[in-house]
Amino acid sequence: MAELELTRGKIQDTMKAVRFHEFGGPEVLSYETVPVPQIRPGEALVRVKAASINHVDLLVEEGRLFSIQLPHIPGADVAGVVERISGAGSDEGIIGKGVVAYPVLACFHCRNCVSGNHNVCLSYRYLGRDVNGSYAEYVAVPAKNLVQMPPNMSFQEAASIPVAFLTAFHMIMRKAKVQRDETVLVLGAGGGIGVASIQMAMIAGANVIAAASAEEKLKKCYALGADYTIDYSKKDLVEEVMDITGGRGVDVVIDPIGSATFSKSLASLAKNGRLVVCGITSGSQAAFNIRDVYVHQREILGTITGTMPDFLEVIRLAAERKLRPVIDSIYPLSGAAEAQKRLLSRKSFGKIVLSA
C-alpha cells in the first residue's frame, strides 16, 4: 500500500534531535535541528513521546566496540505515537496508536531468527547503535518491531521497559532458567537492568540478594522486594554472600558491570551456579581462575537483549502490573547531556527518561 499519513496535519520536514559529530562523553551531544527521517517500505515513523537512557548509548558515543557513521543520534528505548507507515501489507490500524519498540532490528528470516533467536540474528542491528535512534522528536522503526502500549502505562513508563526489562527477562528466564527457591544475586541493583532483574527474579520465585554501592539505593531495593542487600562499597561481596547463604553461595549472579566485579561474581556462586554477564560498564577485561569454573561446575553465560517473544511477554507482564518500571528522573530532550551525566554519577535509581 502507499505511504499513509495521519489527518492531524502534514509532518514538518525538520525536527529537533540530539546527536554527536565526534566521539566522547555527554559533552559531545548537541541539540540540533535535523531532517525528519524518511521511512522505507516496512517502516513506521514514530513521534517520540519518551526515550530512556542506557549505558549502551554511552558506549556508542565513546566509539567503543561499534563502528558508526557520524553524525549519529543515539537511543534504543522509545515509546511514542505512530504517525506514518509505508509498504504493502502495513497495518493501517496502528496509525495514531501509542507504541513501544522492540530495539533489536532483526531480519526475522535468517537461520537464527527462524529458530526464535532474534537477539543473535546473523545480521543483528540495534536501534540507536547501528541506525539513528530515539533521542529525537521522530524515529524510523520497522513496523514489525512495534507493539501497542498497555493502556494503563504512561509513555515515560513504557520507554523504560525495552532494554532493561527485555534483557532481565532473557537473563533470568531463558539463560539462567531460574527456578523457585533458588537464590539470585543482582549486582548494580540500583540501575535499570538491576531494578528489572530484581522484579524478574521475584516473578520466578527466587530469593533475591541486591548488591549496590549506596545505602539509599539498597533501601529502595529492599522496598522493591529484595530479601537481602549488600553494600559492596563497604563490605566484601563474597564474604557477605557466603554469610547470607550459610557458606553455600548463590545459584545465579546477574552482572551488568564487568571487569570490576567479574571475579567476585564467580566466587559468589554455589556449585553448579550460573553467572550471567550482560554489560561492561566498568570494562571488558577480566582475569579469573579457570580451575574454579570446572571444579565447581559453574557456568558463564553471556546475553544481549532478548527475543521478540520475550519482548511480548515482558509487555504482557507490564500490562498486568506484575512488572513496574521505576523512573529516577525525567529530562527534556534538550537536557540529554545532563541526563547522561546523572547516569554516570551513579546516583540514580531506576531509569532516566527523556521526554520529547
Protein backbone atom coordinates (compact mmCIF):
# COMPACT_ATOMS: atom_id res chain seq x y z
CA MET A 1 0.00 0.00 0.00
CA ALA A 2 1.09 3.58 -0.44
CA GLU A 3 2.62 5.54 2.37
CA LEU A 4 -0.08 6.64 4.82
CA GLU A 5 -0.30 9.81 6.84
CA LEU A 6 -2.44 10.84 9.75
CA THR A 7 -5.05 13.51 9.28
CA ARG A 8 -3.65 15.65 12.10
CA GLY A 9 -1.70 17.66 9.59
CA LYS A 10 1.38 17.45 7.47
CA ILE A 11 4.54 16.34 9.22
CA GLN A 12 7.22 19.01 9.20
CA ASP A 13 10.40 18.48 7.20
CA THR A 14 12.64 19.12 10.22
CA MET A 15 12.73 18.11 13.86
CA LYS A 16 14.77 18.59 16.99
CA ALA A 17 17.22 15.81 17.82
CA VAL A 18 20.25 15.13 19.98
CA ARG A 19 23.26 13.84 18.08
CA PHE A 20 27.06 13.85 18.16
CA HIS A 21 29.64 14.66 15.49
CA GLU A 22 32.68 13.24 17.30
CA PHE A 23 33.28 10.57 19.92
CA GLY A 24 33.41 11.39 23.59
CA GLY A 25 31.25 11.70 26.71
CA PRO A 26 27.98 13.57 27.29
CA GLU A 27 29.73 16.82 26.34
CA VAL A 28 29.74 15.82 22.65
CA LEU A 29 25.93 15.75 22.49
CA SER A 30 24.35 18.59 20.53
CA TYR A 31 20.68 19.60 20.43
CA GLU A 32 20.06 20.42 16.77
CA THR A 33 17.53 20.87 14.02
CA VAL A 34 17.80 17.95 11.58
CA PRO A 35 15.66 16.44 8.80
CA VAL A 36 12.77 14.19 9.82
CA PRO A 37 13.67 10.56 8.94
CA GLN A 38 12.47 9.27 5.58
CA ILE A 39 10.89 5.88 6.09
CA ARG A 40 11.37 2.94 3.76
CA PRO A 41 8.83 0.23 2.90
CA GLY A 42 8.04 -1.78 6.01
CA GLU A 43 8.96 1.06 8.35
CA ALA A 44 6.94 3.36 10.57
CA LEU A 45 7.59 6.93 11.55
CA VAL A 46 7.07 7.26 15.30
CA ARG A 47 6.61 10.59 17.04
CA VAL A 48 8.77 10.10 20.14
CA LYS A 49 6.99 10.86 23.39
CA ALA A 50 9.65 9.41 25.67
CA ALA A 51 13.05 7.75 25.39
CA SER A 52 15.13 6.35 28.21
CA ILE A 53 18.88 6.42 28.79
CA ASN A 54 21.02 3.26 28.66
CA HIS A 55 24.71 2.57 29.15
CA VAL A 56 24.89 1.35 25.56
CA ASP A 57 24.18 4.95 24.49
CA LEU A 58 27.39 5.99 26.20
CA LEU A 59 29.38 3.15 24.62
CA VAL A 60 28.14 4.27 21.20
CA GLU A 61 29.12 7.88 21.88
CA GLU A 62 32.56 6.88 23.11
CA GLY A 63 33.18 4.88 19.95
CA ARG A 64 33.73 1.68 21.94
CA LEU A 65 33.04 -1.62 20.20
CA PHE A 66 30.84 -0.21 17.46
CA SER A 67 31.56 1.33 14.06
CA ILE A 68 29.02 4.00 13.22
CA GLN A 69 28.64 6.83 10.74
CA LEU A 70 28.81 10.35 12.15
CA PRO A 71 26.84 12.42 12.94
CA HIS A 72 24.67 10.00 14.86
CA ILE A 73 21.51 10.07 17.01
CA PRO A 74 21.68 7.60 19.95
CA GLY A 75 18.83 5.98 21.85
CA ALA A 76 17.49 2.40 21.91
CA ASP A 77 14.37 2.82 24.07
CA VAL A 78 11.34 4.56 22.61
CA ALA A 79 7.64 4.98 23.28
CA GLY A 80 5.53 7.19 21.06
CA VAL A 81 2.75 7.51 18.53
CA VAL A 82 2.78 6.11 15.00
CA GLU A 83 2.44 8.97 12.52
CA ARG A 84 3.11 7.21 9.24
CA ILE A 85 3.72 3.76 7.83
CA SER A 86 4.92 2.62 4.45
CA GLY A 87 4.75 -0.57 2.41
CA ALA A 88 2.30 -3.12 1.12
CA GLY A 89 0.64 -5.10 3.88
CA SER A 90 1.30 -2.49 6.57
CA ASP A 91 -1.22 -2.36 9.40
CA GLU A 92 -3.13 0.85 8.77
CA GLY A 93 -4.86 0.49 12.12
CA ILE A 94 -1.68 1.20 14.04
CA ILE A 95 -1.56 4.83 12.89
CA GLY A 96 -2.23 7.15 15.80
CA LYS A 97 -1.69 4.40 18.39
CA GLY A 98 0.75 4.52 21.27
CA VAL A 99 3.55 2.02 20.77
CA VAL A 100 6.77 0.76 22.28
CA ALA A 101 9.56 -0.62 20.09
CA TYR A 102 11.49 -3.89 20.24
CA PRO A 103 15.05 -2.48 19.98
CA VAL A 104 16.64 -5.36 18.03
CA LEU A 105 16.45 -4.76 14.28
CA ALA A 106 16.46 -8.45 13.35
CA CYS A 107 15.94 -9.72 9.81
CA PHE A 108 13.34 -12.29 11.02
CA HIS A 109 14.28 -14.73 8.23
CA CYS A 110 17.86 -15.96 8.86
CA ARG A 111 18.51 -19.36 10.46
CA ASN A 112 18.75 -17.89 13.96
CA CYS A 113 15.64 -15.73 13.62
CA VAL A 114 13.57 -18.60 12.24
CA SER A 115 14.54 -20.63 15.31
CA GLY A 116 13.33 -17.75 17.51
CA ASN A 117 16.74 -16.37 18.46
CA HIS A 118 16.27 -12.82 17.19
CA ASN A 119 18.89 -11.42 19.58
CA VAL A 120 21.57 -13.40 17.73
CA CYS A 121 20.29 -12.57 14.24
CA LEU A 122 23.02 -13.15 11.65
CA SER A 123 22.57 -9.52 10.53
CA TYR A 124 21.99 -8.20 14.08
CA ARG A 125 21.44 -4.46 14.31
CA TYR A 126 20.32 -2.32 17.19
CA LEU A 127 18.22 0.84 17.37
CA GLY A 128 20.37 3.83 18.30
CA ARG A 129 23.57 1.90 17.67
CA ASP A 130 23.56 0.78 14.05
CA VAL A 131 20.89 3.27 12.93
CA ASN A 132 19.75 6.63 14.27
CA GLY A 133 17.81 6.26 17.49
CA SER A 134 15.26 7.80 19.79
CA TYR A 135 16.92 10.97 21.12
CA ALA A 136 14.74 12.88 18.68
CA GLU A 137 11.21 14.07 18.01
CA TYR A 138 10.76 11.34 15.39
CA VAL A 139 12.39 7.97 14.77
CA ALA A 140 12.07 5.43 11.95
CA VAL A 141 11.43 1.88 13.17
CA PRO A 142 10.47 -1.34 11.34
CA ALA A 143 6.70 -1.64 11.74
CA LYS A 144 7.02 -5.28 12.80
CA ASN A 145 9.06 -4.12 15.82
CA LEU A 146 6.20 -2.07 17.23
CA VAL A 147 3.88 -3.28 19.98
CA GLN A 148 0.91 -1.30 21.24
CA MET A 149 1.47 0.19 24.66
CA PRO A 150 -0.53 -1.12 27.60
CA PRO A 151 -3.37 1.38 28.15
CA ASN A 152 -2.52 1.71 31.85
CA MET A 153 1.03 2.97 31.27
CA SER A 154 2.48 6.41 30.64
CA PHE A 155 4.87 6.99 27.74
CA GLN A 156 7.64 7.52 30.28
CA GLU A 157 6.98 4.14 31.89
CA ALA A 158 6.73 2.40 28.52
CA ALA A 159 10.05 3.87 27.37
CA SER A 160 11.68 2.43 30.50
CA ILE A 161 10.83 -1.15 29.53
CA PRO A 162 12.58 -2.35 26.35
CA VAL A 163 16.30 -2.64 27.01
CA ALA A 164 16.23 -3.14 30.79
CA PHE A 165 13.27 -5.48 31.22
CA LEU A 166 13.86 -7.37 27.98
CA THR A 167 17.46 -8.08 28.98
CA ALA A 168 16.46 -9.03 32.52
CA PHE A 169 13.75 -11.39 31.25
CA HIS A 170 16.14 -13.14 28.87
CA MET A 171 18.81 -13.50 31.57
CA ILE A 172 16.54 -14.74 34.34
CA MET A 173 14.00 -16.82 32.43
CA ARG A 174 15.85 -18.02 29.33
CA LYS A 175 19.58 -18.12 30.00
CA ALA A 176 19.82 -18.89 33.73
CA LYS A 177 16.41 -20.61 33.83
CA VAL A 178 15.95 -19.52 37.43
CA GLN A 179 13.82 -21.88 39.49
CA ARG A 180 11.62 -21.29 42.51
CA ASP A 181 13.55 -21.02 45.80
CA GLU A 182 16.91 -20.54 44.09
CA THR A 183 18.97 -17.55 45.23
CA VAL A 184 19.85 -14.81 42.76
CA LEU A 185 22.48 -12.13 43.39
CA VAL A 186 21.84 -8.94 41.41
CA LEU A 187 24.82 -6.58 41.03
CA GLY A 188 24.34 -2.94 40.09
CA ALA A 189 20.94 -3.34 41.67
CA GLY A 190 20.08 0.36 41.52
CA GLY A 191 20.42 0.59 37.73
CA GLY A 192 17.77 -0.03 35.13
CA ILE A 193 18.74 -3.66 34.49
CA GLY A 194 19.28 -4.23 38.21
CA VAL A 195 15.82 -2.97 39.15
CA ALA A 196 14.31 -5.06 36.35
CA SER A 197 16.28 -8.16 37.39
CA ILE A 198 15.09 -7.93 40.99
CA GLN A 199 11.48 -7.94 39.80
CA MET A 200 12.07 -10.70 37.27
CA ALA A 201 13.76 -12.95 39.84
CA MET A 202 10.82 -12.41 42.18
CA ILE A 203 8.41 -13.48 39.42
CA ALA A 204 10.50 -16.65 39.04
CA GLY A 205 10.02 -17.30 42.76
CA ALA A 206 13.68 -16.82 43.68
CA ASN A 207 15.25 -15.34 46.79
CA VAL A 208 16.97 -12.08 45.84
CA ILE A 209 20.16 -10.51 47.15
CA ALA A 210 20.54 -6.97 45.84
CA ALA A 211 24.05 -5.50 45.79
CA ALA A 212 24.83 -1.85 45.15
CA SER A 213 27.29 0.81 46.26
CA ALA A 214 24.99 3.14 48.22
CA GLU A 215 22.82 2.54 51.28
CA GLU A 216 20.00 4.69 49.93
CA LYS A 217 19.76 2.54 46.81
CA LEU A 218 19.70 -0.62 48.91
CA LYS A 219 16.79 0.68 50.96
CA LYS A 220 14.87 1.12 47.72
CA CYS A 221 15.86 -2.38 46.58
CA TYR A 222 14.51 -3.78 49.82
CA ALA A 223 11.28 -1.84 49.36
CA LEU A 224 11.09 -3.26 45.83
CA GLY A 225 11.13 -6.78 47.25
CA ALA A 226 14.76 -7.87 47.63
CA ASP A 227 15.22 -10.34 50.50
CA TYR A 228 18.76 -9.23 51.39
CA THR A 229 21.03 -6.32 50.46
CA ILE A 230 24.80 -5.82 50.32
CA ASP A 231 26.70 -2.54 50.12
CA TYR A 232 29.80 -3.74 48.28
CA SER A 233 31.49 -0.36 48.66
CA LYS A 234 31.76 -1.04 52.41
CA LYS A 235 31.72 -4.83 52.76
CA ASP A 236 33.37 -7.70 50.92
CA LEU A 237 30.84 -9.05 48.43
CA VAL A 238 31.87 -12.70 48.59
CA GLU A 239 32.05 -12.77 52.39
CA GLU A 240 28.58 -11.22 52.67
CA VAL A 241 27.13 -13.65 50.13
CA MET A 242 28.57 -16.63 51.99
CA ASP A 243 27.29 -15.29 55.29
CA ILE A 244 23.77 -14.89 53.88
CA THR A 245 23.76 -18.33 52.21
CA GLY A 246 25.43 -20.24 55.05
CA GLY A 247 28.60 -20.73 53.01
CA ARG A 248 26.82 -22.31 50.04
CA GLY A 249 26.90 -19.39 47.58
CA VAL A 250 24.17 -18.28 45.21
CA ASP A 251 22.64 -20.16 42.31
CA VAL A 252 22.76 -17.23 39.89
CA VAL A 253 24.64 -13.94 39.64
CA ILE A 254 23.38 -11.17 37.35
CA ASP A 255 26.38 -8.98 36.46
CA PRO A 256 25.98 -5.94 34.19
CA ILE A 257 29.21 -4.36 35.48
CA GLY A 258 32.07 -6.37 34.00
CA SER A 259 35.74 -6.06 34.94
CA ALA A 260 35.32 -4.65 38.44
CA THR A 261 33.04 -7.44 39.66
CA PHE A 262 33.60 -10.47 37.41
CA SER A 263 35.98 -12.47 39.65
CA LYS A 264 33.90 -11.83 42.77
CA SER A 265 30.76 -12.78 40.87
CA LEU A 266 32.29 -16.16 40.05
CA ALA A 267 33.49 -16.65 43.61
CA SER A 268 29.98 -15.94 44.92
CA LEU A 269 28.48 -18.90 43.05
CA ALA A 270 27.47 -22.19 44.58
CA LYS A 271 28.40 -25.45 42.87
CA ASN A 272 26.53 -25.64 39.53
CA GLY A 273 25.94 -21.89 39.79
CA ARG A 274 25.39 -19.67 36.76
CA LEU A 275 26.98 -16.29 36.14
CA VAL A 276 25.09 -14.23 33.56
CA VAL A 277 27.00 -11.29 32.08
CA CYS A 278 25.18 -8.57 30.15
CA GLY A 279 27.35 -5.47 30.35
CA ILE A 280 30.80 -3.93 30.67
CA THR A 281 30.17 -0.59 32.37
CA SER A 282 33.47 -0.97 34.28
CA GLY A 283 35.44 -2.52 31.41
CA SER A 284 35.56 -5.65 29.29
CA GLN A 285 38.71 -7.44 30.52
CA ALA A 286 38.76 -9.81 33.49
CA ALA A 287 41.13 -12.40 34.99
CA PHE A 288 39.80 -15.46 36.82
CA ASN A 289 40.81 -18.91 37.96
CA ILE A 290 39.66 -21.39 35.31
CA ARG A 291 40.02 -24.26 37.76
CA ASP A 292 37.29 -22.77 39.96
CA VAL A 293 34.91 -22.90 37.00
CA TYR A 294 35.29 -26.59 36.15
CA VAL A 295 35.90 -27.95 39.65
CA HIS A 296 32.68 -26.37 40.90
CA GLN A 297 30.90 -26.94 37.56
CA ARG A 298 29.97 -23.30 37.24
CA GLU A 299 28.61 -21.76 34.05
CA ILE A 300 29.44 -18.39 32.49
CA LEU A 301 26.61 -17.18 30.27
CA GLY A 302 26.60 -14.13 28.04
CA THR A 303 23.45 -12.42 26.88
CA ILE A 304 22.35 -9.38 24.94
CA THR A 305 18.76 -8.07 24.94
CA GLY A 306 16.19 -10.78 24.19
CA THR A 307 13.90 -12.17 21.51
CA MET A 308 10.67 -10.79 20.11
CA PRO A 309 8.60 -13.39 22.03
CA ASP A 310 10.48 -12.33 25.17
CA PHE A 311 9.51 -8.72 24.44
CA LEU A 312 5.83 -9.60 24.00
CA GLU A 313 5.90 -11.47 27.31
CA VAL A 314 7.53 -8.51 29.05
CA ILE A 315 4.86 -6.16 27.71
CA ARG A 316 2.16 -8.57 28.91
CA LEU A 317 3.67 -8.70 32.40
CA ALA A 318 3.91 -4.90 32.46
CA ALA A 319 0.29 -4.57 31.33
CA GLU A 320 -0.73 -6.81 34.22
CA ARG A 321 1.39 -4.66 36.55
CA LYS A 322 3.49 -7.66 37.53
CA LEU A 323 6.44 -5.55 36.39
CA ARG A 324 6.68 -1.91 37.34
CA PRO A 325 9.16 0.47 35.70
CA VAL A 326 10.94 2.62 38.25
CA ILE A 327 11.74 6.12 36.99
CA ASP A 328 14.54 8.03 38.67
CA SER A 329 14.10 11.33 36.82
CA ILE A 330 12.71 12.90 33.65
CA TYR A 331 14.60 15.41 31.50
CA PRO A 332 13.55 17.33 28.39
CA LEU A 333 15.09 16.15 25.12
CA SER A 334 17.34 19.21 25.17
CA GLY A 335 18.71 18.01 28.53
CA ALA A 336 20.10 14.69 27.23
CA ALA A 337 23.67 15.55 28.21
CA GLU A 338 22.61 16.31 31.78
CA ALA A 339 20.57 13.09 31.86
CA GLN A 340 23.62 11.07 30.84
CA LYS A 341 25.71 12.81 33.47
CA ARG A 342 23.09 11.75 36.01
CA LEU A 343 23.56 8.15 34.88
CA LEU A 344 27.35 8.43 35.10
CA SER A 345 27.12 9.91 38.62
CA ARG A 346 25.82 6.52 39.86
CA LYS A 347 23.30 8.38 42.00
CA SER A 348 20.25 7.34 40.03
CA PHE A 349 17.86 4.53 40.94
CA GLY A 350 15.91 3.03 38.08
CA LYS A 351 15.57 4.62 34.66
CA ILE A 352 16.38 8.13 33.50
CA VAL A 353 13.94 9.30 30.84
CA LEU A 354 13.92 11.95 28.14
CA SER A 355 10.52 13.46 27.41
CA ALA A 356 10.20 14.78 23.86
